[in-house]
Amino acid sequence: MQNTKLLLTSFTLVGLLALAGCSFPGVYKIDIQQGNVVTQDMIDQLRPGMTRKQVRFIMGNPLLVDTFHANRWDYLYSLQPGGGERQQERISLLFNGNDQLVSLSGDFKPGVSRDEAILGKDSGTTVTAPAQNAEQPKPEKPVKPGSLLDQIQKDVDSVKTVPVPTPAPLETSPQ
């Protein structure tokens, strides 16, 4: 009787200690980020012909610089949301002999946003139509000639508009 009581209490104690190491549902688990955080804005700033210094200023130091491929920089990023599946992204930048950016390859493409997709957010924007019964703005009173408002309006009217140049996209070649 004494041995069974001792055996039963020891099994209970060992069982409780084993359960203490288990994680319970509902316990907060942190997000684990590793590597270089690369955003779509960084990729959109890259242009062919940029020097290594300019690329390093935009992208930061590469995670991998291969000694056998000195003209290639690799940026890796992985995110594992707490309790979720690990997601990984990669981008490789290639330079020519003059240390100028030639091409890029990987999970990011110029103009295609994946920043919100990796975090599970919707990247689409919604546009709402203006309300039909919205108040119409009241007509403004005419300003007195020679007043400060008249001078400001003349300055605004005399400004010439200049079109904003749109840059050509980077040349990407599928591998």
Protein backbone atom coordinates (compact mmCIF):
# COMPACT_ATOMS: atom_id res chain seq x y z
CA MET A 1 0.00 0.00 0.00
CA GLN A 2 2.81 2.33 0.92
CA ASN A 3 4.64 1.57 -2.36
CA THR A 4 1.55 2.16 -4.53
CA LYS A 5 0.88 5.48 -2.83
CA LEU A 6 4.48 6.55 -3.36
CA LEU A 7 4.41 5.31 -6.95
CA LEU A 8 1.13 7.13 -7.67
CA THR A 9 2.37 10.44 -6.21
CA SER A 10 5.67 10.21 -8.12
CA PHE A 11 3.83 9.57 -11.42
CA THR A 12 1.53 12.50 -10.69
CA LEU A 13 4.49 14.78 -9.93
CA VAL A 14 6.36 13.69 -13.08
CA GLY A 15 3.18 14.21 -15.15
CA LEU A 16 2.66 17.72 -13.80
CA LEU A 17 6.29 18.63 -14.49
CA ALA A 18 5.96 17.35 -18.06
CA LEU A 19 2.81 19.41 -18.62
CA ALA A 20 4.52 22.53 -17.28
CA GLY A 21 6.74 22.61 -20.38
CA CYS A 22 3.85 22.46 -22.83
CA SER A 23 2.40 25.58 -24.38
CA PHE A 24 -1.24 26.25 -23.79
CA PRO A 25 -3.57 27.61 -26.48
CA GLY A 26 -4.12 31.32 -26.15
CA VAL A 27 -0.56 32.04 -25.03
CA TYR A 28 0.90 35.00 -26.93
CA LYS A 29 3.62 34.05 -29.40
CA ILE A 30 5.85 36.75 -30.85
CA ASP A 31 6.47 37.40 -34.54
CA ILE A 32 9.96 36.35 -35.62
CA GLN A 33 11.62 38.50 -38.28
CA GLN A 34 15.03 37.67 -39.68
CA GLY A 35 17.21 39.17 -42.39
CA ASN A 36 16.96 42.44 -44.27
CA VAL A 37 13.57 44.14 -44.30
CA VAL A 38 12.99 44.97 -47.95
CA THR A 39 9.97 47.03 -48.94
CA GLN A 40 8.43 47.73 -52.31
CA ASP A 41 9.42 51.41 -51.93
CA MET A 42 13.09 50.37 -51.78
CA ILE A 43 12.76 48.31 -54.96
CA ASP A 44 10.98 51.15 -56.76
CA GLN A 45 13.92 53.49 -56.01
CA LEU A 46 16.47 51.23 -57.73
CA ARG A 47 17.54 52.25 -61.23
CA PRO A 48 19.88 50.57 -63.71
CA GLY A 49 23.32 52.16 -63.63
CA MET A 50 23.31 52.96 -59.90
CA THR A 51 26.62 52.44 -58.13
CA ARG A 52 27.10 50.02 -55.24
CA LYS A 53 27.19 52.92 -52.79
CA GLN A 54 23.86 54.24 -54.03
CA VAL A 55 22.29 50.79 -53.80
CA ARG A 56 23.70 50.28 -50.30
CA PHE A 57 22.24 53.65 -49.27
CA ILE A 58 18.76 52.56 -50.41
CA MET A 59 18.77 48.87 -49.49
CA GLY A 60 21.27 48.67 -46.63
CA ASN A 61 24.05 46.11 -46.36
CA PRO A 62 23.33 42.83 -48.14
CA LEU A 63 22.81 39.74 -46.03
CA LEU A 64 24.94 37.59 -48.34
CA VAL A 65 27.93 38.60 -50.43
CA ASP A 66 29.25 35.51 -52.18
CA THR A 67 33.03 35.36 -52.64
CA PHE A 68 32.58 33.33 -55.82
CA HIS A 69 30.05 35.80 -57.27
CA ALA A 70 31.37 39.21 -56.22
CA ASN A 71 28.93 41.02 -58.53
CA ARG A 72 25.85 39.62 -56.78
CA TRP A 73 24.21 40.82 -53.58
CA ASP A 74 21.48 38.79 -51.89
CA TYR A 75 18.87 40.17 -49.52
CA LEU A 76 16.81 37.61 -47.57
CA TYR A 77 13.86 38.26 -45.29
CA SER A 78 11.71 35.81 -43.37
CA LEU A 79 8.70 36.43 -41.19
CA GLN A 80 7.02 33.90 -38.96
CA PRO A 81 3.87 35.33 -37.39
CA GLY A 82 3.23 34.03 -33.88
CA GLY A 83 1.80 30.57 -34.30
CA GLY A 84 1.72 30.94 -38.10
CA GLU A 85 3.59 29.56 -41.04
CA ARG A 86 7.02 30.95 -41.95
CA GLN A 87 7.16 33.09 -45.09
CA GLN A 88 10.38 34.00 -46.85
CA GLU A 89 11.30 36.51 -49.54
CA ARG A 90 14.51 36.95 -51.48
CA ILE A 91 15.97 39.44 -53.92
CA SER A 92 19.31 39.32 -55.74
CA LEU A 93 20.97 42.37 -57.27
CA LEU A 94 23.52 41.95 -60.05
CA PHE A 95 26.27 44.45 -60.87
CA ASN A 96 28.51 44.71 -63.94
CA GLY A 97 32.30 45.14 -64.01
CA ASN A 98 31.97 48.91 -63.49
CA ASP A 99 30.08 48.36 -60.20
CA GLN A 100 26.80 49.53 -61.69
CA LEU A 101 23.42 47.88 -61.08
CA VAL A 102 22.41 45.78 -64.07
CA SER A 103 19.41 43.71 -62.99
CA LEU A 104 17.47 42.28 -60.10
CA SER A 105 15.69 38.99 -59.57
CA GLY A 106 13.68 37.40 -56.83
CA ASP A 107 10.32 37.78 -55.16
CA PHE A 108 10.03 41.55 -55.64
CA LYS A 109 9.34 43.11 -59.01
CA PRO A 110 9.25 46.85 -59.73
CA GLY A 111 5.71 48.16 -59.34
CA VAL A 112 4.22 44.99 -57.80
CA SER A 113 3.52 45.41 -54.07
CA ARG A 114 3.94 42.39 -51.78
CA ASP A 115 4.50 44.23 -48.50
CA GLU A 116 0.92 43.92 -47.34
CA ALA A 117 0.49 40.43 -48.76
CA ILE A 118 3.17 39.00 -46.46
CA LEU A 119 1.46 40.55 -43.45
CA GLY A 120 -1.95 39.31 -44.56
CA LYS A 121 -3.50 42.69 -45.26
CA ASP A 122 -5.53 43.63 -48.31
CA SER A 123 -3.54 45.84 -50.64
CA GLY A 124 -6.55 47.05 -52.63
CA THR A 125 -7.93 50.50 -52.08
CA THR A 126 -11.59 51.29 -52.01
CA VAL A 127 -13.03 54.40 -53.58
CA THR A 128 -16.34 55.68 -52.33
CA ALA A 129 -18.63 57.77 -54.48
CA PRO A 130 -19.40 61.24 -53.18
CA ALA A 131 -22.73 61.63 -51.47
CA GLN A 132 -25.52 63.08 -53.63
CA ASN A 133 -26.82 65.28 -50.85
CA ALA A 134 -23.48 66.78 -49.95
CA GLU A 135 -23.47 70.48 -49.23
CA GLN A 136 -22.33 72.65 -52.09
CA PRO A 137 -19.54 75.08 -51.18
CA LYS A 138 -20.70 78.64 -50.72
CA PRO A 139 -19.45 81.10 -53.32
CA GLU A 140 -16.59 83.21 -52.02
CA LYS A 141 -16.83 86.94 -51.71
CA PRO A 142 -14.66 88.83 -54.19
CA VAL A 143 -11.47 90.14 -52.65
CA LYS A 144 -10.55 93.81 -52.57
CA PRO A 145 -8.01 94.83 -55.20
CA GLY A 146 -4.54 95.36 -53.72
CA SER A 147 -5.26 93.30 -50.60
CA LEU A 148 -3.05 90.47 -49.35
CA LEU A 149 -5.51 87.85 -50.61
CA ASP A 150 -5.48 89.46 -54.06
CA GLN A 151 -1.65 89.33 -54.16
CA ILE A 152 -1.62 85.68 -53.08
CA GLN A 153 -4.20 84.80 -55.75
CA LYS A 154 -2.14 86.56 -58.42
CA ASP A 155 0.98 84.64 -57.29
CA VAL A 156 -0.90 81.35 -57.42
CA ASP A 157 -2.35 82.12 -60.87
CA SER A 158 1.09 83.02 -62.27
CA VAL A 159 2.66 79.65 -61.34
CA LYS A 160 3.53 77.53 -64.36
CA THR A 161 2.83 73.81 -64.13
CA VAL A 162 5.60 71.37 -65.02
CA PRO A 163 4.81 67.72 -65.78
CA VAL A 164 6.43 65.18 -63.48
CA PRO A 165 8.69 62.76 -65.40
CA THR A 166 7.83 59.10 -65.00
CA PRO A 167 10.87 56.82 -64.71
CA ALA A 168 11.21 53.78 -66.93
CA PRO A 169 10.81 50.46 -65.06
CA LEU A 170 13.82 48.23 -64.36
CA GLU A 171 14.48 45.54 -66.87
CA THR A 172 13.65 42.19 -65.29
CA SER A 173 14.39 38.88 -66.90
CA PRO A 174 12.76 35.66 -65.64
CA GLN A 175 15.21 32.98 -64.64
